[in-house]
Structures are given as C-alpha cells and as structure tokens.
C-alpha cells in the first residue's frame, strides 16, 4: 500500500470519526434542550381512591400526558391505566394550578395501591376510619394507597358450628 493510499485511508477514518462525534454531540444537545423543567404546582386537590375501585379490588398505575396553558391544565391524554382509576386521576389533575406562566407538556403517573384490611372473627374491619395515604411528588408522581374493602359472609361462621 502506497503512502498516498494510506493517507487517503486515514483521512476517511478521521472524517468518519469527526462525523460520528458531531452526530453524538448534536443528539446530546437536542436531548438536553428537550428536557424542560417541570412546572411548579401551587394548588391541587388531594387525590382519593375511588370507592368502587376499592370494592372491586382494582389497583394499578395511570399514566397521563398533561398540557398546560401556563396556569392551569389545558389538555390531558391517557397513556395507560385501569379505566376505573383513569377518571379519578384525570379529575385530580384538572384541579392543579401552576406557578410559572409558561405553557408546557409533561407526563405524570398516579400509583393506586391497595393494602389488606384486618378483620376479626365478628367481621369488624379496621378500614372504616382510615382514609388512606397520599404521597405527592407533583407534578410527576402521585401515590394513593387505601385499605381494601373486606366483606364477611355470616354463613361461613354458621357452617363451622356443630349441630346440637
């Protein structure tokens, strides 16, 4: 291989390396520009676990894409989630008000989780006075936890009795 051919081969590798470096730089720069800071929520209603979903033992994550006009929510699109929980998440998001007057779009996730209730032999359960737990990491993440609704069947107790 002559000196001219080696020089031409090295030039190709150098040009390819510079091209790959430039493309990587542009991709990283575009990704950094697309990451906008999340808006600051200054007012929001406390989310709740829908009672019908508790009774049906439905839990899961609801993923929403939210658009704002800068002060309030202007549009919500459902990405995924159990339909019985989606409407509760959407209703709560509609109550949010924001500090910055800049229109933006972001994603938020509502995590709905049920924890078991404790019931004694007389079907007295501990969920009646417990309204659940809510963790707010607004606007990106909301966790709503509630105790399950337990039902007791009085016939179960009767079945275990011995005849006299």
Protein backbone atom coordinates (compact mmCIF):
# COMPACT_ATOMS: atom_id res chain seq x y z
CA UNK A 1 0.00 0.00 0.00
CA UNK A 2 1.50 3.33 -1.03
CA UNK A 3 1.85 6.35 1.19
CA UNK A 4 -0.93 8.16 -0.72
CA UNK A 5 -3.31 5.23 -0.25
CA UNK A 6 -2.54 5.06 3.49
CA UNK A 7 -3.07 8.80 3.81
CA UNK A 8 -6.38 8.56 1.97
CA UNK A 9 -7.48 5.62 4.23
CA UNK A 10 -6.54 7.56 7.41
CA UNK A 11 -8.41 10.60 6.12
CA UNK A 12 -11.57 8.50 5.67
CA UNK A 13 -11.32 7.21 9.25
CA UNK A 14 -10.72 10.73 10.56
CA UNK A 15 -13.71 12.09 8.66
CA UNK A 16 -15.91 9.22 9.87
CA UNK A 17 -14.76 9.79 13.46
CA UNK A 18 -15.49 13.51 13.25
CA UNK A 19 -18.90 12.80 11.70
CA UNK A 20 -19.81 10.31 14.45
CA UNK A 21 -18.60 12.76 17.11
CA UNK A 22 -20.65 15.59 15.58
CA UNK A 23 -23.80 13.45 15.39
CA UNK A 24 -23.33 12.35 19.03
CA UNK A 25 -22.86 15.97 20.12
CA UNK A 26 -26.00 17.10 18.26
CA UNK A 27 -28.09 14.23 19.71
CA UNK A 28 -26.95 15.03 23.27
CA UNK A 29 -27.59 18.73 22.74
CA UNK A 30 -31.09 18.07 21.36
CA UNK A 31 -31.90 15.77 24.30
CA UNK A 32 -30.73 18.39 26.80
CA UNK A 33 -32.86 21.07 25.13
CA UNK A 34 -35.95 18.82 25.09
CA UNK A 35 -35.78 18.33 28.89
CA UNK A 36 -37.79 21.27 30.11
CA UNK A 37 -38.09 21.86 33.84
CA UNK A 38 -41.35 20.62 35.32
CA UNK A 39 -43.89 23.27 36.31
CA UNK A 40 -44.43 24.06 39.98
CA UNK A 41 -47.87 23.10 41.31
CA UNK A 42 -49.13 25.80 43.69
CA UNK A 43 -52.62 24.40 44.26
CA UNK A 44 -54.19 20.94 43.96
CA UNK A 45 -56.98 18.90 45.50
CA UNK A 46 -55.98 15.84 47.47
CA UNK A 47 -56.46 12.75 45.28
CA UNK A 48 -58.61 9.90 46.54
CA UNK A 49 -59.01 6.20 45.88
CA UNK A 50 -62.39 5.70 44.17
CA UNK A 51 -64.65 3.64 46.45
CA UNK A 52 -65.97 1.46 43.60
CA UNK A 53 -62.36 0.62 42.63
CA UNK A 54 -61.58 -0.26 46.25
CA UNK A 55 -64.61 -2.53 46.45
CA UNK A 56 -63.64 -4.20 43.15
CA UNK A 57 -60.01 -4.56 44.35
CA UNK A 58 -58.69 -2.65 41.33
CA UNK A 59 -55.23 -1.18 41.60
CA UNK A 60 -52.52 -0.10 39.18
CA UNK A 61 -50.71 2.81 37.57
CA UNK A 62 -52.32 5.54 35.50
CA UNK A 63 -50.00 7.35 33.06
CA UNK A 64 -51.17 10.73 31.77
CA UNK A 65 -49.68 13.30 29.40
CA UNK A 66 -50.64 16.77 30.62
CA UNK A 67 -50.58 20.07 28.72
CA UNK A 68 -50.88 23.42 30.45
CA UNK A 69 -51.66 26.93 29.34
CA UNK A 70 -49.15 28.11 31.92
CA UNK A 71 -51.57 28.45 34.83
CA UNK A 72 -54.00 25.53 34.51
CA UNK A 73 -54.27 22.16 32.78
CA UNK A 74 -55.46 22.64 29.21
CA UNK A 75 -55.45 19.04 27.94
CA UNK A 76 -54.98 15.52 29.27
CA UNK A 77 -54.31 12.42 27.24
CA UNK A 78 -54.40 8.97 28.80
CA UNK A 79 -51.30 6.91 28.04
CA UNK A 80 -52.36 3.82 30.06
CA UNK A 81 -54.09 2.60 33.18
CA UNK A 82 -57.14 0.80 34.55
CA UNK A 83 -60.24 2.62 33.23
CA UNK A 84 -61.88 2.73 36.68
CA UNK A 85 -58.87 4.66 38.03
CA UNK A 86 -58.22 6.88 35.00
CA UNK A 87 -61.18 9.18 35.61
CA UNK A 88 -60.15 9.80 39.24
CA UNK A 89 -56.61 10.69 38.13
CA UNK A 90 -57.91 13.00 35.37
CA UNK A 91 -60.32 14.71 37.79
CA UNK A 92 -57.49 15.37 40.22
CA UNK A 93 -55.10 16.69 37.57
CA UNK A 94 -57.76 19.18 36.41
CA UNK A 95 -57.58 20.83 39.87
CA UNK A 96 -53.87 21.62 39.56
CA UNK A 97 -52.73 25.23 39.24
CA UNK A 98 -49.17 26.18 38.33
CA UNK A 99 -46.75 28.92 39.37
CA UNK A 100 -44.94 29.58 36.10
CA UNK A 101 -46.98 31.21 33.35
CA UNK A 102 -45.31 29.18 30.58
CA UNK A 103 -47.29 26.62 28.58
CA UNK A 104 -45.71 23.19 28.81
CA UNK A 105 -46.31 19.48 28.46
CA UNK A 106 -45.22 16.73 30.86
CA UNK A 107 -46.07 13.20 31.96
CA UNK A 108 -47.45 12.23 35.34
CA UNK A 109 -48.10 8.86 36.96
CA UNK A 110 -50.70 8.01 39.58
CA UNK A 111 -49.91 4.82 41.54
CA UNK A 112 -53.04 3.31 43.10
CA UNK A 113 -52.29 0.57 45.63
CA UNK A 114 -54.50 -1.42 47.98
CA UNK A 115 -53.27 -2.79 51.30
CA UNK A 116 -55.13 -5.56 53.16
CA UNK A 117 -57.60 -4.68 55.91
CA UNK A 118 -57.56 -6.62 59.15
CA UNK A 119 -60.87 -8.15 60.16
CA UNK A 120 -61.69 -10.06 63.31
CA UNK A 121 -63.98 -13.10 63.68
CA UNK A 122 -67.04 -10.84 64.04
CA UNK A 123 -66.31 -9.10 60.70
CA UNK A 124 -65.17 -5.89 62.36
CA UNK A 125 -62.60 -4.41 59.98
CA UNK A 126 -60.14 -1.60 60.62
CA UNK A 127 -60.75 0.30 57.35
CA UNK A 128 -63.76 2.37 58.41
CA UNK A 129 -61.77 5.24 59.92
CA UNK A 130 -58.72 5.05 57.67
CA UNK A 131 -58.96 7.29 54.64
CA UNK A 132 -55.67 6.02 53.18
CA UNK A 133 -52.33 7.58 52.43
CA UNK A 134 -51.33 10.02 49.71
CA UNK A 135 -47.77 10.91 48.68
CA UNK A 136 -47.48 13.86 46.33
CA UNK A 137 -44.37 14.43 44.28
CA UNK A 138 -46.09 16.88 41.98
CA UNK A 139 -46.37 17.12 39.12
CA UNK A 140 -44.55 13.91 38.12
CA UNK A 141 -45.69 11.32 40.64
CA UNK A 142 -48.71 10.68 42.88
CA UNK A 143 -49.17 7.65 45.12
CA UNK A 144 -52.60 6.84 46.54
CA UNK A 145 -52.92 3.95 48.99
CA UNK A 146 -56.12 2.67 50.61
CA UNK A 147 -57.18 -0.36 52.59
CA UNK A 148 -59.19 -2.99 50.79
CA UNK A 149 -62.90 -3.28 51.40
CA UNK A 150 -63.46 -6.64 53.01
CA UNK A 151 -66.79 -8.43 53.01
CA UNK A 152 -67.75 -11.05 55.53
CA UNK A 153 -70.11 -13.92 54.94
CA UNK A 154 -72.05 -14.81 58.08
CA UNK A 155 -72.80 -18.24 56.59
CA UNK A 156 -69.13 -19.15 56.90
CA UNK A 157 -69.39 -18.95 60.68
CA UNK A 158 -72.63 -20.96 60.69
CA UNK A 159 -71.09 -23.70 58.53
CA UNK A 160 -68.45 -24.39 61.15
CA UNK A 161 -70.94 -24.86 64.01
CA UNK A 162 -71.68 -28.37 65.09
CA UNK A 163 -75.31 -29.44 65.41
CA UNK A 164 -76.56 -29.88 68.99
